[in-house]
């Protein structure tokens, strides 16, 4: 009897946690809403455990029903799409230059994307602002 108690004391217990999984296929670039998510009991490492962290985020890859969602699978929704016409802004203390550009990639607020300056046809990098303009340095 003693041997059995010692073995049980060192037996690894599987920890079951709740993770969030999609209820339907969510395609890439689609914004996630509460109805798209459900809770599932699982012990998957790296899976998102909070629905609040996913609602309003954009899927970066296709998400399939019942499969765990990793934090890298989602991100903030893009406000600038590829080939969008955008305003490029360069600013210093007493100088502000604006011109038109064409986005060469997608980006959310705060992300760095490449943009072609339509006046000079050169490619520059800039950060997406909340109003959709691109700030170049």
N, C-alpha and C. Protein backbone atom coordinates (compact mmCIF):
# COMPACT_ATOMS: atom_id res chain seq x y z
N UNK A 1 0.82 -1.19 0.00
CA UNK A 1 0.00 0.00 0.00
C UNK A 1 0.86 1.25 0.00
N UNK A 2 1.94 1.23 0.72
CA UNK A 2 2.82 2.38 0.77
C UNK A 2 3.44 2.68 -0.59
N UNK A 3 3.83 1.69 -1.30
CA UNK A 3 4.44 1.87 -2.62
C UNK A 3 3.46 2.53 -3.57
N UNK A 4 2.23 2.13 -3.53
CA UNK A 4 1.21 2.71 -4.38
C UNK A 4 1.01 4.19 -4.08
N UNK A 5 1.02 4.60 -2.85
CA UNK A 5 0.86 6.01 -2.48
C UNK A 5 2.04 6.84 -2.96
N UNK A 6 3.23 6.31 -2.90
CA UNK A 6 4.41 7.04 -3.38
C UNK A 6 4.35 7.23 -4.87
N UNK A 7 3.95 6.22 -5.61
CA UNK A 7 3.84 6.32 -7.07
C UNK A 7 2.80 7.37 -7.44
N UNK A 8 1.68 7.38 -6.77
CA UNK A 8 0.64 8.36 -7.07
C UNK A 8 1.08 9.78 -6.72
N UNK A 9 1.91 9.94 -5.73
CA UNK A 9 2.38 11.27 -5.33
C UNK A 9 3.26 11.89 -6.41
N UNK A 10 3.98 11.09 -7.16
CA UNK A 10 4.87 11.61 -8.20
C UNK A 10 4.29 11.49 -9.61
N UNK A 11 3.06 11.03 -9.72
CA UNK A 11 2.41 10.89 -11.02
C UNK A 11 2.08 12.27 -11.57
N UNK A 12 2.53 12.59 -12.79
CA UNK A 12 2.23 13.93 -13.32
C UNK A 12 0.75 14.09 -13.66
N UNK A 13 0.19 15.13 -13.17
CA UNK A 13 -1.22 15.42 -13.45
C UNK A 13 -1.31 16.34 -14.65
N UNK A 14 -2.17 16.00 -15.57
CA UNK A 14 -2.37 16.83 -16.75
C UNK A 14 -3.22 18.03 -16.38
N UNK A 15 -2.69 19.21 -16.59
CA UNK A 15 -3.43 20.43 -16.30
C UNK A 15 -4.34 20.76 -17.47
N UNK A 16 -5.60 20.92 -17.19
CA UNK A 16 -6.56 21.25 -18.24
C UNK A 16 -6.92 22.72 -18.08
N UNK A 17 -6.73 23.45 -19.15
CA UNK A 17 -7.06 24.88 -19.14
C UNK A 17 -8.12 25.12 -20.21
N UNK A 18 -8.69 26.29 -20.17
CA UNK A 18 -9.66 26.67 -21.19
C UNK A 18 -8.97 27.53 -22.24
N UNK A 19 -9.16 27.17 -23.50
CA UNK A 19 -8.62 27.96 -24.60
C UNK A 19 -9.78 28.42 -25.47
N UNK A 20 -9.51 29.37 -26.32
CA UNK A 20 -10.52 29.90 -27.23
C UNK A 20 -10.29 29.32 -28.61
N UNK A 21 -11.37 28.82 -29.23
CA UNK A 21 -11.30 28.26 -30.58
C UNK A 21 -12.40 28.89 -31.44
N UNK A 22 -12.20 28.94 -32.76
CA UNK A 22 -13.25 29.46 -33.64
C UNK A 22 -14.42 28.48 -33.76
N UNK A 23 -15.62 29.01 -33.98
CA UNK A 23 -16.80 28.17 -34.22
C UNK A 23 -17.01 27.92 -35.71
N UNK A 24 -16.34 28.72 -36.53
CA UNK A 24 -16.46 28.60 -37.99
C UNK A 24 -15.11 28.95 -38.60
N UNK A 25 -14.94 28.69 -39.87
CA UNK A 25 -13.71 29.07 -40.54
C UNK A 25 -13.65 30.58 -40.68
N UNK A 26 -12.58 31.17 -40.18
CA UNK A 26 -12.36 32.61 -40.28
C UNK A 26 -11.21 32.80 -41.25
N UNK A 27 -11.49 33.46 -42.35
CA UNK A 27 -10.44 33.65 -43.35
C UNK A 27 -9.49 34.77 -42.96
N UNK A 28 -8.31 34.76 -43.54
CA UNK A 28 -7.32 35.80 -43.28
C UNK A 28 -7.92 37.16 -43.67
N UNK A 29 -7.53 38.20 -42.96
CA UNK A 29 -7.97 39.58 -43.16
C UNK A 29 -9.40 39.83 -42.68
N UNK A 30 -10.00 38.87 -42.00
CA UNK A 30 -11.36 39.03 -41.49
C UNK A 30 -11.30 39.42 -40.01
N UNK A 31 -12.15 40.36 -39.61
CA UNK A 31 -12.19 40.82 -38.22
C UNK A 31 -13.01 39.83 -37.40
N UNK A 32 -12.51 39.48 -36.22
CA UNK A 32 -13.13 38.47 -35.36
C UNK A 32 -14.17 39.14 -34.46
N UNK A 33 -15.36 38.52 -34.39
CA UNK A 33 -16.44 39.00 -33.51
C UNK A 33 -16.72 37.91 -32.47
N UNK A 34 -17.47 38.27 -31.43
CA UNK A 34 -17.73 37.35 -30.31
C UNK A 34 -18.43 36.07 -30.75
N UNK A 35 -19.30 36.15 -31.72
CA UNK A 35 -20.04 34.97 -32.18
C UNK A 35 -19.15 33.95 -32.88
N UNK A 36 -17.94 34.35 -33.25
CA UNK A 36 -17.01 33.44 -33.93
C UNK A 36 -16.21 32.57 -32.97
N UNK A 37 -16.37 32.78 -31.66
CA UNK A 37 -15.49 32.14 -30.68
C UNK A 37 -16.27 31.30 -29.68
N UNK A 38 -15.60 30.25 -29.18
CA UNK A 38 -16.14 29.44 -28.09
C UNK A 38 -14.99 28.95 -27.22
N UNK A 39 -15.33 28.52 -26.01
CA UNK A 39 -14.34 28.03 -25.06
C UNK A 39 -14.25 26.51 -25.19
N UNK A 40 -13.00 26.01 -25.13
CA UNK A 40 -12.76 24.57 -25.21
C UNK A 40 -11.76 24.19 -24.13
N UNK A 41 -11.99 23.07 -23.46
CA UNK A 41 -11.06 22.58 -22.44
C UNK A 41 -9.91 21.87 -23.14
N UNK A 42 -8.69 22.36 -22.91
CA UNK A 42 -7.51 21.77 -23.53
C UNK A 42 -6.28 22.23 -22.77
N UNK A 43 -5.16 21.59 -23.01
CA UNK A 43 -3.91 21.99 -22.36
C UNK A 43 -2.87 22.38 -23.41
N UNK A 44 -3.28 23.07 -24.44
CA UNK A 44 -2.41 23.47 -25.55
C UNK A 44 -1.55 24.67 -25.13
N UNK A 45 -0.25 24.51 -25.17
CA UNK A 45 0.66 25.60 -24.82
C UNK A 45 0.67 26.65 -25.94
N UNK A 46 0.64 27.91 -25.56
CA UNK A 46 0.71 28.99 -26.53
C UNK A 46 -0.62 29.42 -27.11
N UNK A 47 -1.71 28.77 -26.73
CA UNK A 47 -3.02 29.13 -27.25
C UNK A 47 -3.60 30.31 -26.46
N UNK A 48 -4.40 31.12 -27.13
CA UNK A 48 -5.04 32.27 -26.49
C UNK A 48 -6.12 31.76 -25.55
N UNK A 49 -6.17 32.32 -24.34
CA UNK A 49 -7.13 31.89 -23.32
C UNK A 49 -8.20 32.94 -23.02
N UNK A 50 -8.13 34.09 -23.67
CA UNK A 50 -9.09 35.16 -23.39
C UNK A 50 -9.79 35.59 -24.67
N UNK A 51 -11.11 35.51 -24.68
CA UNK A 51 -11.88 35.94 -25.85
C UNK A 51 -11.76 37.45 -26.04
N UNK A 52 -11.64 38.18 -24.95
CA UNK A 52 -11.53 39.65 -25.04
C UNK A 52 -10.28 40.06 -25.81
N UNK A 53 -9.23 39.25 -25.75
CA UNK A 53 -8.00 39.56 -26.47
C UNK A 53 -8.15 39.35 -27.97
N UNK A 54 -9.18 38.62 -28.39
CA UNK A 54 -9.36 38.31 -29.81
C UNK A 54 -10.43 39.15 -30.50
N UNK A 55 -11.44 39.56 -29.75
CA UNK A 55 -12.56 40.29 -30.35
C UNK A 55 -12.07 41.63 -30.89
N UNK A 56 -12.37 41.90 -32.16
CA UNK A 56 -11.94 43.13 -32.82
C UNK A 56 -10.60 43.01 -33.51
N UNK A 57 -9.91 41.90 -33.32
CA UNK A 57 -8.63 41.68 -33.98
C UNK A 57 -8.87 41.10 -35.38
N UNK A 58 -7.85 41.18 -36.21
CA UNK A 58 -7.94 40.67 -37.58
C UNK A 58 -7.14 39.38 -37.68
N UNK A 59 -7.71 38.38 -38.33
CA UNK A 59 -7.01 37.12 -38.53
C UNK A 59 -5.89 37.33 -39.55
N UNK A 60 -4.68 36.93 -39.19
CA UNK A 60 -3.54 37.03 -40.11
C UNK A 60 -3.47 35.81 -41.02
N UNK A 61 -3.99 34.69 -40.54
CA UNK A 61 -4.04 33.43 -41.29
C UNK A 61 -5.45 32.86 -41.16
N UNK A 62 -5.77 31.85 -41.94
CA UNK A 62 -7.07 31.20 -41.82
C UNK A 62 -7.15 30.46 -40.49
N UNK A 63 -8.26 30.63 -39.78
CA UNK A 63 -8.49 29.97 -38.50
C UNK A 63 -9.63 28.97 -38.68
N UNK A 64 -9.41 27.73 -38.26
CA UNK A 64 -10.36 26.66 -38.50
C UNK A 64 -11.10 26.26 -37.23
N UNK A 65 -12.36 25.83 -37.37
CA UNK A 65 -13.18 25.49 -36.20
C UNK A 65 -12.52 24.43 -35.31
N UNK A 66 -12.56 24.67 -33.99
CA UNK A 66 -12.06 23.71 -33.04
C UNK A 66 -10.55 23.72 -32.84
N UNK A 67 -9.81 24.43 -33.67
CA UNK A 67 -8.36 24.48 -33.53
C UNK A 67 -7.95 25.67 -32.68
N UNK A 68 -6.90 25.52 -31.88
CA UNK A 68 -6.48 26.63 -31.03
C UNK A 68 -5.98 27.83 -31.84
N UNK A 69 -6.13 29.01 -31.27
CA UNK A 69 -5.66 30.24 -31.90
C UNK A 69 -4.43 30.71 -31.12
N UNK A 70 -3.33 30.93 -31.82
CA UNK A 70 -2.12 31.47 -31.20
C UNK A 70 -2.15 32.99 -31.33
N UNK A 71 -1.42 33.67 -30.46
CA UNK A 71 -1.38 35.13 -30.47
C UNK A 71 -0.83 35.66 -31.79
N UNK A 72 0.07 34.92 -32.43
CA UNK A 72 0.65 35.36 -33.70
C UNK A 72 -0.31 35.19 -34.88
N UNK A 73 -1.43 34.49 -34.67
CA UNK A 73 -2.41 34.29 -35.73
C UNK A 73 -3.31 35.50 -35.93
N UNK A 74 -3.30 36.44 -35.00
CA UNK A 74 -4.17 37.61 -35.06
C UNK A 74 -3.37 38.88 -34.82
N UNK A 75 -3.96 40.00 -35.19
CA UNK A 75 -3.32 41.29 -34.96
C UNK A 75 -4.34 42.40 -35.13
N UNK A 76 -3.92 43.63 -34.93
CA UNK A 76 -4.86 44.74 -35.09
C UNK A 76 -5.31 44.84 -36.55
N UNK A 77 -6.53 45.29 -36.78
CA UNK A 77 -7.03 45.38 -38.15
C UNK A 77 -6.26 46.42 -38.97
N UNK A 78 -5.98 46.06 -40.21
CA UNK A 78 -5.26 46.98 -41.10
C UNK A 78 -6.20 48.11 -41.53
N UNK A 79 -5.66 49.33 -41.53
CA UNK A 79 -6.45 50.46 -42.02
C UNK A 79 -5.95 50.93 -43.39
N UNK A 80 -4.78 50.42 -43.79
CA UNK A 80 -4.24 50.71 -45.11
C UNK A 80 -4.05 49.39 -45.83
N UNK A 81 -4.63 49.27 -47.01
CA UNK A 81 -4.47 48.06 -47.83
C UNK A 81 -3.45 48.29 -48.93
N UNK A 82 -2.97 47.20 -49.50
CA UNK A 82 -2.04 47.28 -50.61
C UNK A 82 -2.71 48.01 -51.78
N UNK A 83 -1.97 48.87 -52.43
CA UNK A 83 -2.40 49.67 -53.59
C UNK A 83 -3.33 50.83 -53.23
N UNK A 84 -3.57 51.08 -51.95
CA UNK A 84 -4.35 52.26 -51.56
C UNK A 84 -3.54 53.52 -51.83
N UNK A 85 -4.25 54.58 -52.23
CA UNK A 85 -3.61 55.89 -52.34
C UNK A 85 -3.61 56.50 -50.94
N UNK A 86 -2.42 56.91 -50.49
CA UNK A 86 -2.26 57.44 -49.14
C UNK A 86 -1.53 58.76 -49.20
N UNK A 87 -1.59 59.50 -48.11
CA UNK A 87 -0.84 60.75 -48.00
C UNK A 87 0.42 60.48 -47.20
N UNK A 88 1.56 60.85 -47.77
CA UNK A 88 2.84 60.75 -47.08
C UNK A 88 3.10 62.06 -46.37
N UNK A 89 3.53 61.97 -45.11
CA UNK A 89 3.77 63.17 -44.31
C UNK A 89 5.19 63.12 -43.78
N UNK A 90 5.93 64.21 -44.03
CA UNK A 90 7.27 64.38 -43.46
C UNK A 90 7.25 65.68 -42.68
N UNK A 91 7.58 65.60 -41.40
CA UNK A 91 7.50 66.81 -40.59
C UNK A 91 8.72 67.01 -39.71
N UNK A 92 9.15 68.25 -39.63
CA UNK A 92 10.20 68.68 -38.70
C UNK A 92 9.65 69.89 -37.95
N UNK A 93 10.45 70.57 -37.19
CA UNK A 93 9.99 71.65 -36.33
C UNK A 93 9.13 72.68 -37.05
N UNK A 94 9.65 73.31 -38.10
CA UNK A 94 8.90 74.34 -38.83
C UNK A 94 8.64 73.95 -40.27
N UNK A 95 8.70 72.66 -40.57
CA UNK A 95 8.55 72.18 -41.95
C UNK A 95 7.59 71.01 -41.98
N UNK A 96 6.63 71.04 -42.90
CA UNK A 96 5.70 69.94 -43.09
C UNK A 96 5.53 69.73 -44.58
N UNK A 97 5.91 68.56 -45.06
CA UNK A 97 5.79 68.22 -46.48
C UNK A 97 4.81 67.07 -46.60
N UNK A 98 3.83 67.22 -47.51
CA UNK A 98 2.89 66.13 -47.78
C UNK A 98 2.88 65.86 -49.28
N UNK A 99 2.68 64.61 -49.63
CA UNK A 99 2.58 64.22 -51.03
C UNK A 99 1.78 62.93 -51.10
N UNK A 100 1.39 62.53 -52.30
CA UNK A 100 0.63 61.30 -52.48
C UNK A 100 1.55 60.12 -52.67
N UNK A 101 1.09 58.97 -52.21
CA UNK A 101 1.84 57.74 -52.37
C UNK A 101 0.90 56.58 -52.58
N UNK A 102 1.46 55.46 -52.97
CA UNK A 102 0.69 54.22 -53.15
C UNK A 102 1.27 53.17 -52.20
N UNK A 103 0.41 52.61 -51.36
CA UNK A 103 0.86 51.61 -50.38
C UNK A 103 1.28 50.33 -51.10
N UNK A 104 2.43 49.81 -50.72
CA UNK A 104 2.94 48.57 -51.30
C UNK A 104 2.69 47.38 -50.38
N UNK A 105 1.97 47.60 -49.30
CA UNK A 105 1.63 46.53 -48.37
C UNK A 105 0.47 46.96 -47.50
N UNK A 106 0.01 46.04 -46.64
CA UNK A 106 -1.07 46.33 -45.69
C UNK A 106 -0.47 46.73 -44.37
N UNK A 107 -1.20 47.54 -43.61
CA UNK A 107 -0.68 47.92 -42.30
C UNK A 107 -1.75 48.43 -41.36
N UNK A 108 -1.55 48.12 -40.10
CA UNK A 108 -2.40 48.63 -39.02
C UNK A 108 -1.71 49.85 -38.41
N UNK A 109 -2.40 50.51 -37.52
CA UNK A 109 -1.85 51.69 -36.85
C UNK A 109 -0.55 51.30 -36.13
N UNK A 110 0.50 52.07 -36.39
CA UNK A 110 1.79 51.84 -35.75
C UNK A 110 2.71 50.91 -36.50
N UNK A 111 2.22 50.22 -37.52
CA UNK A 111 3.07 49.31 -38.28
C UNK A 111 3.83 50.07 -39.35
N UNK A 112 5.01 49.56 -39.69
CA UNK A 112 5.84 50.16 -40.74
C UNK A 112 5.53 49.45 -42.06
N UNK A 113 5.23 50.23 -43.09
CA UNK A 113 4.98 49.66 -44.42
C UNK A 113 5.79 50.42 -45.46
N UNK A 114 5.92 49.82 -46.62
CA UNK A 114 6.60 50.47 -47.75
C UNK A 114 5.56 51.16 -48.61
N UNK A 115 5.94 52.35 -49.11
CA UNK A 115 5.04 53.17 -49.92
C UNK A 115 5.84 53.76 -51.07
N UNK A 116 5.21 53.81 -52.26
CA UNK A 116 5.86 54.44 -53.40
C UNK A 116 5.39 55.89 -53.49
N UNK A 117 6.35 56.82 -53.47
CA UNK A 117 6.06 58.24 -53.65
C UNK A 117 5.67 58.43 -55.12
N UNK A 118 4.45 58.89 -55.39
CA UNK A 118 3.98 59.00 -56.76
C UNK A 118 4.65 60.14 -57.53
N UNK A 119 5.18 61.12 -56.82
CA UNK A 119 5.86 62.23 -57.50
C UNK A 119 7.23 61.83 -58.01
N UNK A 120 7.99 61.12 -57.19
CA UNK A 120 9.36 60.77 -57.56
C UNK A 120 9.53 59.31 -57.94
N UNK A 121 8.51 58.50 -57.75
CA UNK A 121 8.54 57.05 -58.03
C UNK A 121 9.57 56.31 -57.18
N UNK A 122 9.95 56.86 -56.05
CA UNK A 122 10.87 56.18 -55.15
C UNK A 122 10.07 55.47 -54.05
N UNK A 123 10.66 54.43 -53.52
CA UNK A 123 10.02 53.67 -52.46
C UNK A 123 10.58 54.12 -51.11
N UNK A 124 9.67 54.43 -50.20
CA UNK A 124 10.05 54.85 -48.86
C UNK A 124 9.30 53.99 -47.84
N UNK A 125 9.78 54.00 -46.61
CA UNK A 125 9.09 53.29 -45.53
C UNK A 125 8.53 54.32 -44.56
N UNK A 126 7.39 53.98 -44.00
CA UNK A 126 6.78 54.88 -43.04
C UNK A 126 5.88 54.14 -42.08
N UNK A 127 5.43 54.86 -41.07
CA UNK A 127 4.57 54.29 -40.03
C UNK A 127 3.14 54.77 -40.26
N UNK A 128 2.20 53.84 -40.17
CA UNK A 128 0.78 54.16 -40.38
C UNK A 128 0.25 54.91 -39.16
N UNK A 129 -0.35 56.07 -39.42
CA UNK A 129 -0.99 56.87 -38.36
C UNK A 129 -2.45 56.47 -38.23
N UNK A 130 -3.09 56.84 -37.11
CA UNK A 130 -4.51 56.48 -36.92
C UNK A 130 -5.45 57.05 -38.00
N UNK A 131 -5.08 58.16 -38.62
CA UNK A 131 -5.93 58.74 -39.66
C UNK A 131 -5.66 58.16 -41.05
N UNK A 132 -4.77 57.19 -41.16
CA UNK A 132 -4.49 56.53 -42.44
C UNK A 132 -3.35 57.15 -43.23
N UNK A 133 -2.78 58.25 -42.75
CA UNK A 133 -1.61 58.83 -43.41
C UNK A 133 -0.37 58.05 -43.00
N UNK A 134 0.69 58.20 -43.78
CA UNK A 134 1.94 57.50 -43.51
C UNK A 134 3.01 58.52 -43.15
N UNK A 135 3.58 58.38 -41.97
CA UNK A 135 4.63 59.30 -41.51
C UNK A 135 5.99 58.71 -41.89
N UNK A 136 6.72 59.47 -42.72
CA UNK A 136 8.05 59.04 -43.14
C UNK A 136 9.09 59.91 -42.44
N UNK A 137 10.26 59.33 -42.20
CA UNK A 137 11.33 60.08 -41.53
C UNK A 137 12.44 60.37 -42.48
